[in-house]
């Protein structure tokens, strides 16, 4: 899984460039899953990245937002762990694009540098069938693209990642095209930024 090294890489970059900035790192995980599964006998998997990050001190729970979480996708023990770590959890039925933008703005106002982690299974399978854990419910393709664009436009977003896309499970390149378009929306958003120095 690349969710953990993605976040860890940004943390190490900030730590090397400006040590105090590493302590002002925020994370938004757009996902149906919490991804805080403890490492078991089978080792690290796609459900463990943020467990690893929280335990390693790379991200503080109070600076971490889980956005679009679906109850049926998560064991109650993972929910209790996230709550114990003071992670903010926004369930899918309460997750709006306006709220996503407000979260970006709030972190930015507080001087945080932001990582946005997009798990493609946060999108409903009608729009994104090519994922490892497709969901009947989820964000629409338009909502997903709008979040990518907003991340691009926010000058304090240092990095985004797209995870859990599975080409063998895709249908007529629907998911591939969605992710490619999301990357385009993010890059287009970059051109509208007022760049701040790190």
N, C-alpha and C. Protein backbone atom coordinates (compact mmCIF):
# COMPACT_ATOMS: atom_id res chain seq x y z
N UNK A 1 0.83 -1.19 0.00
CA UNK A 1 0.00 0.00 0.00
C UNK A 1 0.87 1.24 0.00
N UNK A 2 0.41 2.28 -0.70
CA UNK A 2 1.22 3.49 -0.83
C UNK A 2 0.68 4.68 -0.03
N UNK A 3 -0.43 4.51 0.66
CA UNK A 3 -0.99 5.60 1.45
C UNK A 3 -0.04 6.08 2.53
N UNK A 4 0.60 5.14 3.22
CA UNK A 4 1.54 5.51 4.28
C UNK A 4 2.80 6.17 3.73
N UNK A 5 3.51 5.58 2.75
CA UNK A 5 4.70 6.25 2.24
C UNK A 5 4.40 7.60 1.59
N UNK A 6 3.21 7.74 1.03
CA UNK A 6 2.83 9.05 0.46
C UNK A 6 2.84 10.11 1.55
N UNK A 7 2.16 9.84 2.66
CA UNK A 7 2.11 10.80 3.76
C UNK A 7 3.48 10.95 4.42
N UNK A 8 4.16 9.84 4.62
CA UNK A 8 5.47 9.87 5.27
C UNK A 8 6.48 10.67 4.44
N UNK A 9 6.37 10.58 3.11
CA UNK A 9 7.28 11.33 2.24
C UNK A 9 7.11 12.83 2.40
N UNK A 10 5.86 13.28 2.50
CA UNK A 10 5.60 14.70 2.71
C UNK A 10 6.12 15.14 4.07
N UNK A 11 5.88 14.30 5.09
CA UNK A 11 6.37 14.60 6.44
C UNK A 11 7.89 14.75 6.45
N UNK A 12 8.59 13.82 5.80
CA UNK A 12 10.06 13.87 5.77
C UNK A 12 10.55 15.09 5.00
N UNK A 13 9.84 15.45 3.93
CA UNK A 13 10.20 16.65 3.16
C UNK A 13 10.11 17.90 4.04
N UNK A 14 8.99 18.02 4.75
CA UNK A 14 8.81 19.18 5.63
C UNK A 14 9.82 19.19 6.77
N UNK A 15 10.07 18.02 7.32
CA UNK A 15 11.01 17.90 8.44
C UNK A 15 12.41 18.33 8.02
N UNK A 16 12.79 17.97 6.80
CA UNK A 16 14.11 18.32 6.28
C UNK A 16 14.19 19.81 5.92
N UNK A 17 13.13 20.32 5.30
CA UNK A 17 13.14 21.71 4.83
C UNK A 17 12.94 22.71 5.96
N UNK A 18 11.97 22.39 6.83
CA UNK A 18 11.62 23.31 7.92
C UNK A 18 11.03 22.47 9.04
N UNK A 19 11.84 22.04 10.01
CA UNK A 19 11.40 21.08 11.04
C UNK A 19 10.08 21.40 11.72
N UNK A 20 9.83 22.67 12.03
CA UNK A 20 8.58 23.01 12.71
C UNK A 20 7.36 22.81 11.81
N UNK A 21 7.57 22.92 10.51
CA UNK A 21 6.46 22.76 9.56
C UNK A 21 5.91 21.34 9.57
N UNK A 22 6.76 20.37 9.90
CA UNK A 22 6.32 18.97 9.93
C UNK A 22 5.26 18.76 11.01
N UNK A 23 5.29 19.59 12.04
CA UNK A 23 4.30 19.47 13.11
C UNK A 23 2.97 20.12 12.72
N UNK A 24 2.98 20.84 11.62
CA UNK A 24 1.76 21.49 11.13
C UNK A 24 1.30 20.81 9.84
N UNK A 25 1.27 19.49 9.87
CA UNK A 25 0.83 18.71 8.73
C UNK A 25 -0.59 18.20 8.99
N UNK A 26 -1.48 18.40 8.02
CA UNK A 26 -2.86 17.95 8.14
C UNK A 26 -3.15 16.94 7.03
N UNK A 27 -4.10 16.06 7.30
CA UNK A 27 -4.47 15.02 6.34
C UNK A 27 -5.98 14.96 6.19
N UNK A 28 -6.43 14.90 4.95
CA UNK A 28 -7.84 14.61 4.65
C UNK A 28 -7.86 13.31 3.85
N UNK A 29 -8.54 12.31 4.37
CA UNK A 29 -8.67 11.04 3.67
C UNK A 29 -10.10 10.93 3.13
N UNK A 30 -10.25 11.02 1.81
CA UNK A 30 -11.56 10.87 1.17
C UNK A 30 -11.73 9.39 0.87
N UNK A 31 -12.62 8.73 1.60
CA UNK A 31 -12.62 7.27 1.58
C UNK A 31 -13.91 6.72 2.18
N UNK A 32 -14.27 5.53 1.76
CA UNK A 32 -15.37 4.81 2.42
C UNK A 32 -14.86 4.14 3.69
N UNK A 33 -13.54 3.92 3.76
CA UNK A 33 -12.91 3.17 4.86
C UNK A 33 -12.03 4.08 5.71
N UNK A 34 -11.92 3.75 6.97
CA UNK A 34 -11.06 4.52 7.88
C UNK A 34 -9.58 4.24 7.64
N UNK A 35 -9.26 3.04 7.19
CA UNK A 35 -7.87 2.63 6.92
C UNK A 35 -6.96 2.77 8.14
N UNK A 36 -7.47 2.32 9.29
CA UNK A 36 -6.68 2.32 10.52
C UNK A 36 -6.58 0.90 11.10
N UNK A 37 -6.55 -0.07 10.21
CA UNK A 37 -6.47 -1.46 10.64
C UNK A 37 -5.07 -1.77 11.18
N UNK A 38 -4.97 -2.32 12.38
CA UNK A 38 -3.66 -2.71 12.91
C UNK A 38 -2.99 -3.74 12.00
N UNK A 39 -1.68 -3.73 12.01
CA UNK A 39 -0.93 -4.69 11.19
C UNK A 39 -1.07 -6.07 11.82
N UNK A 40 -1.51 -7.03 11.03
CA UNK A 40 -1.72 -8.39 11.53
C UNK A 40 -0.67 -9.36 11.03
N UNK A 41 -0.99 -10.65 11.11
CA UNK A 41 -0.05 -11.70 10.73
C UNK A 41 0.32 -11.63 9.24
N UNK A 42 -0.59 -11.12 8.41
CA UNK A 42 -0.33 -11.05 6.98
C UNK A 42 0.46 -9.81 6.59
N UNK A 43 0.78 -8.98 7.57
CA UNK A 43 1.58 -7.78 7.31
C UNK A 43 0.76 -6.57 6.93
N UNK A 44 1.42 -5.60 6.31
CA UNK A 44 0.80 -4.34 5.96
C UNK A 44 -0.08 -4.52 4.73
N UNK A 45 -1.28 -3.95 4.80
CA UNK A 45 -2.20 -4.01 3.66
C UNK A 45 -2.79 -2.64 3.40
N UNK A 46 -3.73 -2.59 2.46
CA UNK A 46 -4.32 -1.31 2.08
C UNK A 46 -5.19 -0.71 3.19
N UNK A 47 -5.50 -1.49 4.21
CA UNK A 47 -6.31 -0.97 5.31
C UNK A 47 -5.51 -0.41 6.47
N UNK A 48 -4.18 -0.37 6.34
CA UNK A 48 -3.33 -0.01 7.48
C UNK A 48 -2.60 1.33 7.41
N UNK A 49 -2.67 2.10 6.32
CA UNK A 49 -1.77 3.25 6.21
C UNK A 49 -1.87 4.28 7.32
N UNK A 50 -3.08 4.58 7.76
CA UNK A 50 -3.21 5.66 8.74
C UNK A 50 -3.04 5.17 10.17
N UNK A 51 -3.21 3.88 10.39
CA UNK A 51 -2.80 3.28 11.65
C UNK A 51 -1.29 3.47 11.81
N UNK A 52 -0.55 3.15 10.75
CA UNK A 52 0.90 3.28 10.78
C UNK A 52 1.31 4.73 10.99
N UNK A 53 0.64 5.64 10.29
CA UNK A 53 1.00 7.06 10.39
C UNK A 53 0.71 7.63 11.77
N UNK A 54 -0.42 7.26 12.34
CA UNK A 54 -0.77 7.72 13.68
C UNK A 54 0.18 7.16 14.73
N UNK A 55 0.49 5.88 14.61
CA UNK A 55 1.37 5.24 15.59
C UNK A 55 2.80 5.78 15.49
N UNK A 56 3.22 6.16 14.28
CA UNK A 56 4.57 6.68 14.08
C UNK A 56 4.68 8.16 14.41
N UNK A 57 3.55 8.81 14.68
CA UNK A 57 3.58 10.24 15.00
C UNK A 57 3.74 11.13 13.78
N UNK A 58 3.52 10.57 12.59
CA UNK A 58 3.63 11.35 11.36
C UNK A 58 2.45 12.30 11.22
N UNK A 59 1.30 11.87 11.70
CA UNK A 59 0.12 12.72 11.72
C UNK A 59 -0.52 12.63 13.11
N UNK A 60 -1.02 13.75 13.58
CA UNK A 60 -1.74 13.78 14.84
C UNK A 60 -3.24 13.65 14.56
N UNK A 61 -3.93 12.87 15.36
CA UNK A 61 -5.35 12.63 15.13
C UNK A 61 -6.17 13.90 15.02
N UNK A 62 -5.84 14.90 15.81
CA UNK A 62 -6.61 16.15 15.80
C UNK A 62 -6.45 16.93 14.49
N UNK A 63 -5.42 16.55 13.70
CA UNK A 63 -5.17 17.21 12.41
C UNK A 63 -5.54 16.31 11.23
N UNK A 64 -6.39 15.33 11.49
CA UNK A 64 -6.72 14.30 10.51
C UNK A 64 -8.24 14.21 10.37
N UNK A 65 -8.72 14.34 9.13
CA UNK A 65 -10.15 14.25 8.84
C UNK A 65 -10.42 13.06 7.92
N UNK A 66 -11.31 12.19 8.35
CA UNK A 66 -11.79 11.07 7.52
C UNK A 66 -13.10 11.54 6.88
N UNK A 67 -13.14 11.62 5.55
CA UNK A 67 -14.24 12.28 4.86
C UNK A 67 -14.96 11.30 3.91
N UNK A 68 -16.25 11.07 4.18
CA UNK A 68 -17.04 10.19 3.32
C UNK A 68 -17.12 8.76 3.80
N UNK A 69 -16.83 8.55 5.07
CA UNK A 69 -16.79 7.21 5.66
C UNK A 69 -18.18 6.56 5.63
N UNK A 70 -18.19 5.27 5.30
CA UNK A 70 -19.44 4.51 5.27
C UNK A 70 -19.43 3.47 6.39
N UNK A 71 -20.47 3.49 7.19
CA UNK A 71 -20.53 2.66 8.40
C UNK A 71 -20.32 1.17 8.12
N UNK A 72 -20.95 0.65 7.07
CA UNK A 72 -20.88 -0.79 6.81
C UNK A 72 -19.49 -1.25 6.34
N UNK A 73 -18.63 -0.29 6.03
CA UNK A 73 -17.28 -0.62 5.54
C UNK A 73 -16.25 -0.72 6.66
N UNK A 74 -16.66 -0.46 7.90
CA UNK A 74 -15.68 -0.33 8.97
C UNK A 74 -16.08 -1.11 10.23
N UNK A 75 -15.17 -1.89 10.72
CA UNK A 75 -15.37 -2.60 11.97
C UNK A 75 -15.46 -1.58 13.11
N UNK A 76 -16.27 -1.85 14.10
CA UNK A 76 -16.45 -0.91 15.22
C UNK A 76 -15.14 -0.66 15.97
N UNK A 77 -14.24 -1.64 15.96
CA UNK A 77 -12.96 -1.46 16.65
C UNK A 77 -12.11 -0.37 15.99
N UNK A 78 -12.23 -0.24 14.65
CA UNK A 78 -11.49 0.80 13.94
C UNK A 78 -12.07 2.18 14.25
N UNK A 79 -13.37 2.23 14.37
CA UNK A 79 -14.03 3.48 14.72
C UNK A 79 -13.61 3.93 16.12
N UNK A 80 -13.58 3.00 17.06
CA UNK A 80 -13.17 3.33 18.42
C UNK A 80 -11.72 3.79 18.46
N UNK A 81 -10.87 3.15 17.67
CA UNK A 81 -9.45 3.54 17.62
C UNK A 81 -9.33 4.98 17.10
N UNK A 82 -10.02 5.27 16.00
CA UNK A 82 -9.95 6.61 15.41
C UNK A 82 -10.47 7.66 16.39
N UNK A 83 -11.57 7.36 17.06
CA UNK A 83 -12.13 8.29 18.04
C UNK A 83 -11.17 8.51 19.21
N UNK A 84 -10.52 7.44 19.64
CA UNK A 84 -9.55 7.54 20.73
C UNK A 84 -8.38 8.45 20.34
N UNK A 85 -8.03 8.44 19.05
CA UNK A 85 -6.93 9.27 18.55
C UNK A 85 -7.38 10.68 18.18
N UNK A 86 -8.65 11.00 18.44
CA UNK A 86 -9.23 12.33 18.16
C UNK A 86 -9.31 12.67 16.68
N UNK A 87 -9.45 11.64 15.85
CA UNK A 87 -9.63 11.85 14.41
C UNK A 87 -11.06 12.35 14.17
N UNK A 88 -11.21 13.34 13.30
CA UNK A 88 -12.55 13.83 12.96
C UNK A 88 -13.12 12.95 11.85
N UNK A 89 -14.29 12.39 12.09
CA UNK A 89 -14.92 11.47 11.15
C UNK A 89 -16.19 12.10 10.60
N UNK A 90 -16.24 12.23 9.28
CA UNK A 90 -17.43 12.76 8.61
C UNK A 90 -17.99 11.66 7.72
N UNK A 91 -19.15 11.16 8.10
CA UNK A 91 -19.76 10.06 7.36
C UNK A 91 -20.30 10.54 6.02
N UNK A 92 -20.45 9.60 5.11
CA UNK A 92 -20.87 9.93 3.75
C UNK A 92 -22.19 10.72 3.73
N UNK A 93 -23.13 10.34 4.55
CA UNK A 93 -24.44 11.02 4.51
C UNK A 93 -24.37 12.47 4.99
N UNK A 94 -23.23 12.86 5.60
CA UNK A 94 -23.07 14.24 6.06
C UNK A 94 -21.96 14.97 5.30
N UNK A 95 -21.34 14.29 4.34
CA UNK A 95 -20.17 14.84 3.64
C UNK A 95 -20.60 15.60 2.38
N UNK A 96 -20.47 16.91 2.42
CA UNK A 96 -20.81 17.73 1.25
C UNK A 96 -19.55 18.37 0.68
N UNK A 97 -19.64 18.82 -0.55
CA UNK A 97 -18.50 19.48 -1.18
C UNK A 97 -18.20 20.80 -0.48
N UNK A 98 -19.25 21.50 -0.07
CA UNK A 98 -19.05 22.76 0.67
C UNK A 98 -18.27 22.51 1.95
N UNK A 99 -18.59 21.40 2.61
CA UNK A 99 -17.89 21.06 3.85
C UNK A 99 -16.44 20.71 3.58
N UNK A 100 -16.18 19.98 2.50
CA UNK A 100 -14.80 19.65 2.12
C UNK A 100 -13.99 20.93 1.93
N UNK A 101 -14.56 21.89 1.23
CA UNK A 101 -13.86 23.15 0.99
C UNK A 101 -13.63 23.91 2.29
N UNK A 102 -14.60 23.85 3.21
CA UNK A 102 -14.44 24.51 4.50
C UNK A 102 -13.30 23.89 5.31
N UNK A 103 -13.15 22.57 5.21
CA UNK A 103 -12.06 21.89 5.92
C UNK A 103 -10.72 22.34 5.37
N UNK A 104 -10.61 22.41 4.04
CA UNK A 104 -9.38 22.92 3.42
C UNK A 104 -9.08 24.33 3.92
N UNK A 105 -10.09 25.18 3.91
CA UNK A 105 -9.91 26.58 4.31
C UNK A 105 -9.53 26.70 5.78
N UNK A 106 -10.14 25.86 6.62
CA UNK A 106 -9.85 25.91 8.06
C UNK A 106 -8.40 25.51 8.34
N UNK A 107 -7.94 24.43 7.72
CA UNK A 107 -6.55 24.02 7.90
C UNK A 107 -5.61 25.11 7.38
N UNK A 108 -5.94 25.67 6.24
CA UNK A 108 -5.11 26.71 5.64
C UNK A 108 -5.00 27.93 6.53
N UNK A 109 -6.13 28.37 7.09
CA UNK A 109 -6.12 29.54 7.98
C UNK A 109 -5.26 29.31 9.22
N UNK A 110 -5.20 28.06 9.66
CA UNK A 110 -4.43 27.72 10.86
C UNK A 110 -2.95 27.48 10.57
N UNK A 111 -2.55 27.64 9.31
CA UNK A 111 -1.15 27.51 8.95
C UNK A 111 -0.68 26.10 8.68
N UNK A 112 -1.61 25.18 8.40
CA UNK A 112 -1.23 23.80 8.12
C UNK A 112 -0.87 23.60 6.66
N UNK A 113 0.03 22.66 6.41
CA UNK A 113 0.26 22.12 5.08
C UNK A 113 -0.56 20.84 4.99
N UNK A 114 -1.19 20.62 3.85
CA UNK A 114 -2.23 19.60 3.75
C UNK A 114 -1.89 18.52 2.73
N UNK A 115 -2.18 17.29 3.10
CA UNK A 115 -2.14 16.15 2.18
C UNK A 115 -3.57 15.66 2.02
N UNK A 116 -3.99 15.42 0.78
CA UNK A 116 -5.30 14.86 0.52
C UNK A 116 -5.11 13.48 -0.11
N UNK A 117 -5.68 12.48 0.54
CA UNK A 117 -5.59 11.10 0.07
C UNK A 117 -6.96 10.68 -0.46
N UNK A 118 -7.04 10.42 -1.75
CA UNK A 118 -8.30 10.01 -2.37
C UNK A 118 -8.29 8.50 -2.61
N UNK A 119 -9.13 7.77 -1.89
CA UNK A 119 -9.35 6.36 -2.23
C UNK A 119 -10.52 6.33 -3.21
N UNK A 120 -10.30 5.74 -4.37
CA UNK A 120 -11.29 5.82 -5.44
C UNK A 120 -12.56 5.06 -5.07
N UNK A 121 -12.49 4.17 -4.08
CA UNK A 121 -13.72 3.47 -3.67
C UNK A 121 -14.64 4.38 -2.85
N UNK A 122 -14.25 5.63 -2.65
CA UNK A 122 -15.16 6.62 -2.06
C UNK A 122 -16.24 7.02 -3.07
N UNK A 123 -15.99 6.74 -4.35
CA UNK A 123 -16.93 7.03 -5.42
C UNK A 123 -17.86 5.83 -5.61
N UNK A 124 -19.12 6.07 -5.85
CA UNK A 124 -20.07 4.98 -6.07
C UNK A 124 -19.64 4.15 -7.28
N UNK A 125 -19.86 2.83 -7.19
CA UNK A 125 -19.40 1.92 -8.23
C UNK A 125 -20.05 2.17 -9.58
N UNK A 126 -21.17 2.87 -9.61
CA UNK A 126 -21.79 3.24 -10.89
C UNK A 126 -20.87 4.15 -11.71
N UNK A 127 -19.99 4.88 -11.01
CA UNK A 127 -19.06 5.78 -11.66
C UNK A 127 -17.63 5.24 -11.65
N UNK A 128 -17.31 4.39 -10.68
CA UNK A 128 -15.95 3.88 -10.51
C UNK A 128 -15.97 2.40 -10.13
N UNK A 129 -16.21 1.51 -11.10
CA UNK A 129 -16.27 0.09 -10.79
C UNK A 129 -14.91 -0.56 -10.58
N UNK A 130 -13.86 0.07 -11.08
CA UNK A 130 -12.54 -0.56 -11.05
C UNK A 130 -11.75 -0.27 -9.79
N UNK A 131 -12.28 -0.71 -8.66
CA UNK A 131 -11.60 -0.51 -7.38
C UNK A 131 -11.60 -1.83 -6.61
N UNK A 132 -10.75 -1.91 -5.61
CA UNK A 132 -10.62 -3.17 -4.86
C UNK A 132 -11.83 -3.46 -3.98
N UNK A 133 -12.56 -2.41 -3.58
CA UNK A 133 -13.74 -2.62 -2.73
C UNK A 133 -14.87 -1.71 -3.21
N UNK A 134 -15.52 -2.05 -4.33
CA UNK A 134 -16.57 -1.18 -4.87
C UNK A 134 -17.76 -1.03 -3.94
N UNK A 135 -18.35 0.18 -3.94
CA UNK A 135 -19.46 0.48 -3.04
C UNK A 135 -20.69 0.91 -3.82
N UNK A 136 -21.86 0.43 -3.41
CA UNK A 136 -23.11 0.82 -4.06
C UNK A 136 -23.38 2.31 -3.87
N UNK A 137 -23.01 2.80 -2.68
CA UNK A 137 -23.20 4.22 -2.37
C UNK A 137 -21.84 4.89 -2.39
N UNK A 138 -21.84 6.20 -2.64
CA UNK A 138 -20.58 6.94 -2.62
C UNK A 138 -20.74 8.28 -3.30
N UNK A 139 -19.62 8.98 -3.47
CA UNK A 139 -19.65 10.27 -4.16
C UNK A 139 -19.94 10.05 -5.64
N UNK A 140 -20.51 11.05 -6.28
CA UNK A 140 -20.67 11.01 -7.73
C UNK A 140 -19.33 11.39 -8.37
N UNK A 141 -19.21 11.14 -9.66
CA UNK A 141 -17.99 11.53 -10.36
C UNK A 141 -17.81 13.04 -10.30
N UNK A 142 -18.90 13.79 -10.41
CA UNK A 142 -18.82 15.26 -10.36
C UNK A 142 -18.32 15.75 -9.01
N UNK A 143 -18.79 15.14 -7.94
CA UNK A 143 -18.34 15.52 -6.60
C UNK A 143 -16.85 15.21 -6.42
N UNK A 144 -16.44 14.05 -6.90
CA UNK A 144 -15.04 13.65 -6.80
C UNK A 144 -14.14 14.63 -7.54
N UNK A 145 -14.55 15.01 -8.74
CA UNK A 145 -13.77 15.95 -9.55
C UNK A 145 -13.72 17.33 -8.91
N UNK A 146 -14.81 17.73 -8.28
CA UNK A 146 -14.84 19.04 -7.62
C UNK A 146 -13.90 19.07 -6.42
N UNK A 147 -13.81 17.96 -5.69
CA UNK A 147 -12.87 17.90 -4.56
C UNK A 147 -11.42 17.96 -5.06
N UNK A 148 -11.14 17.30 -6.19
CA UNK A 148 -9.79 17.35 -6.76
C UNK A 148 -9.44 18.77 -7.19
N UNK A 149 -10.39 19.45 -7.82
CA UNK A 149 -10.17 20.84 -8.25
C UNK A 149 -9.94 21.76 -7.06
N UNK A 150 -10.75 21.60 -6.01
CA UNK A 150 -10.60 22.43 -4.80
C UNK A 150 -9.24 22.21 -4.15
N UNK A 151 -8.77 20.97 -4.16
CA UNK A 151 -7.45 20.66 -3.60
C UNK A 151 -6.36 21.35 -4.41
N UNK A 152 -6.53 21.39 -5.73
CA UNK A 152 -5.56 22.07 -6.57
C UNK A 152 -5.51 23.56 -6.32
N UNK A 153 -6.65 24.14 -6.06
CA UNK A 153 -6.73 25.59 -5.87
C UNK A 153 -6.24 26.04 -4.50
N UNK A 154 -6.20 25.14 -3.54
CA UNK A 154 -5.76 25.50 -2.18
C UNK A 154 -4.23 25.53 -2.12
N UNK A 155 -3.67 26.69 -1.87
CA UNK A 155 -2.22 26.87 -1.90
C UNK A 155 -1.48 26.06 -0.83
N UNK A 156 -2.20 25.59 0.18
CA UNK A 156 -1.55 24.84 1.25
C UNK A 156 -1.63 23.32 1.08
N UNK A 157 -2.24 22.87 0.00
CA UNK A 157 -2.22 21.43 -0.31
C UNK A 157 -0.89 21.14 -0.99
N UNK A 158 -0.05 20.36 -0.32
CA UNK A 158 1.28 20.04 -0.86
C UNK A 158 1.25 18.82 -1.76
N UNK A 159 0.35 17.89 -1.49
CA UNK A 159 0.36 16.64 -2.25
C UNK A 159 -1.01 15.97 -2.18
N UNK A 160 -1.39 15.33 -3.29
CA UNK A 160 -2.57 14.47 -3.28
C UNK A 160 -2.17 13.10 -3.81
N UNK A 161 -2.96 12.10 -3.48
CA UNK A 161 -2.72 10.76 -4.00
C UNK A 161 -4.03 10.09 -4.33
N UNK A 162 -4.01 9.24 -5.34
CA UNK A 162 -5.19 8.45 -5.71
C UNK A 162 -4.85 6.98 -5.50
N UNK A 163 -5.68 6.29 -4.71
CA UNK A 163 -5.36 4.94 -4.29
C UNK A 163 -6.50 3.96 -4.55
N UNK A 164 -6.12 2.69 -4.61
CA UNK A 164 -7.02 1.54 -4.70
C UNK A 164 -7.76 1.44 -6.04
N UNK A 165 -7.22 2.06 -7.07
CA UNK A 165 -7.71 1.81 -8.42
C UNK A 165 -7.16 0.45 -8.87
N UNK A 166 -8.01 -0.37 -9.45
CA UNK A 166 -7.61 -1.72 -9.88
C UNK A 166 -7.96 -1.92 -11.36
N UNK A 167 -7.00 -1.73 -12.27
CA UNK A 167 -7.27 -1.86 -13.70
C UNK A 167 -7.97 -3.16 -14.12
N UNK A 168 -7.59 -4.33 -13.55
CA UNK A 168 -8.27 -5.57 -13.99
C UNK A 168 -9.77 -5.59 -13.67
N UNK A 169 -10.19 -4.79 -12.69
CA UNK A 169 -11.59 -4.76 -12.29
C UNK A 169 -12.39 -3.65 -12.99
N UNK A 170 -11.68 -2.83 -13.78
CA UNK A 170 -12.34 -1.69 -14.41
C UNK A 170 -13.26 -2.15 -15.55
N UNK A 171 -14.20 -1.28 -15.91
CA UNK A 171 -15.13 -1.58 -16.99
C UNK A 171 -15.09 -0.42 -17.99
N UNK A 172 -14.69 -0.74 -19.21
CA UNK A 172 -14.61 0.24 -20.30
C UNK A 172 -13.80 1.48 -19.90
N UNK A 173 -12.79 1.27 -19.06
CA UNK A 173 -11.88 2.34 -18.60
C UNK A 173 -12.61 3.48 -17.87
N UNK A 174 -13.76 3.17 -17.30
CA UNK A 174 -14.53 4.20 -16.59
C UNK A 174 -13.74 4.81 -15.43
N UNK A 175 -13.16 3.94 -14.61
CA UNK A 175 -12.45 4.41 -13.41
C UNK A 175 -11.14 5.08 -13.81
N UNK A 176 -10.47 4.50 -14.78
CA UNK A 176 -9.22 5.08 -15.28
C UNK A 176 -9.44 6.50 -15.77
N UNK A 177 -10.52 6.69 -16.53
CA UNK A 177 -10.83 8.02 -17.07
C UNK A 177 -11.20 9.00 -15.96
N UNK A 178 -11.89 8.49 -14.95
CA UNK A 178 -12.26 9.35 -13.83
C UNK A 178 -11.01 9.84 -13.09
N UNK A 179 -10.10 8.93 -12.79
CA UNK A 179 -8.87 9.31 -12.08
C UNK A 179 -8.03 10.26 -12.93
N UNK A 180 -7.92 9.98 -14.22
CA UNK A 180 -7.15 10.86 -15.11
C UNK A 180 -7.76 12.26 -15.14
N UNK A 181 -9.09 12.32 -15.18
CA UNK A 181 -9.76 13.62 -15.19
C UNK A 181 -9.57 14.34 -13.86
N UNK A 182 -9.58 13.57 -12.76
CA UNK A 182 -9.36 14.17 -11.43
C UNK A 182 -7.96 14.77 -11.34
N UNK A 183 -6.97 14.08 -11.90
CA UNK A 183 -5.60 14.61 -11.92
C UNK A 183 -5.56 15.90 -12.74
N UNK A 184 -6.26 15.89 -13.87
CA UNK A 184 -6.33 17.10 -14.70
C UNK A 184 -6.98 18.26 -13.94
N UNK A 185 -8.07 17.98 -13.21
CA UNK A 185 -8.74 19.03 -12.44
C UNK A 185 -7.83 19.58 -11.35
N UNK A 186 -7.06 18.70 -10.72
CA UNK A 186 -6.12 19.15 -9.69
C UNK A 186 -5.06 20.06 -10.31
N UNK A 187 -4.47 19.62 -11.41
CA UNK A 187 -3.41 20.41 -12.06
C UNK A 187 -3.98 21.74 -12.57
N UNK A 188 -5.19 21.72 -13.10
CA UNK A 188 -5.83 22.96 -13.53
C UNK A 188 -6.02 23.90 -12.34
N UNK A 189 -6.37 23.32 -11.19
CA UNK A 189 -6.51 24.11 -9.98
C UNK A 189 -5.21 24.77 -9.57
N UNK A 190 -4.09 24.07 -9.80
CA UNK A 190 -2.79 24.64 -9.46
C UNK A 190 -2.54 25.97 -10.17
N UNK A 191 -3.02 26.06 -11.40
CA UNK A 191 -2.79 27.28 -12.18
C UNK A 191 -3.57 28.47 -11.63
N UNK A 192 -4.53 28.20 -10.75
CA UNK A 192 -5.35 29.28 -10.17
C UNK A 192 -4.90 29.65 -8.76
N UNK A 193 -3.82 29.07 -8.32
CA UNK A 193 -3.33 29.33 -6.97
C UNK A 193 -2.59 30.63 -6.84
N UNK A 194 -2.62 31.12 -5.62
CA UNK A 194 -1.65 32.12 -5.19
C UNK A 194 -0.65 31.36 -4.34
N UNK A 195 0.50 31.12 -4.86
CA UNK A 195 1.46 30.22 -4.21
C UNK A 195 2.05 30.86 -2.96
N UNK A 196 2.05 30.08 -1.85
CA UNK A 196 2.67 30.52 -0.61
C UNK A 196 4.00 29.79 -0.46
N UNK A 197 4.95 30.42 0.18
CA UNK A 197 6.23 29.76 0.45
C UNK A 197 6.05 28.78 1.60
N UNK A 198 6.72 27.64 1.50
CA UNK A 198 6.66 26.63 2.56
C UNK A 198 7.56 27.07 3.70
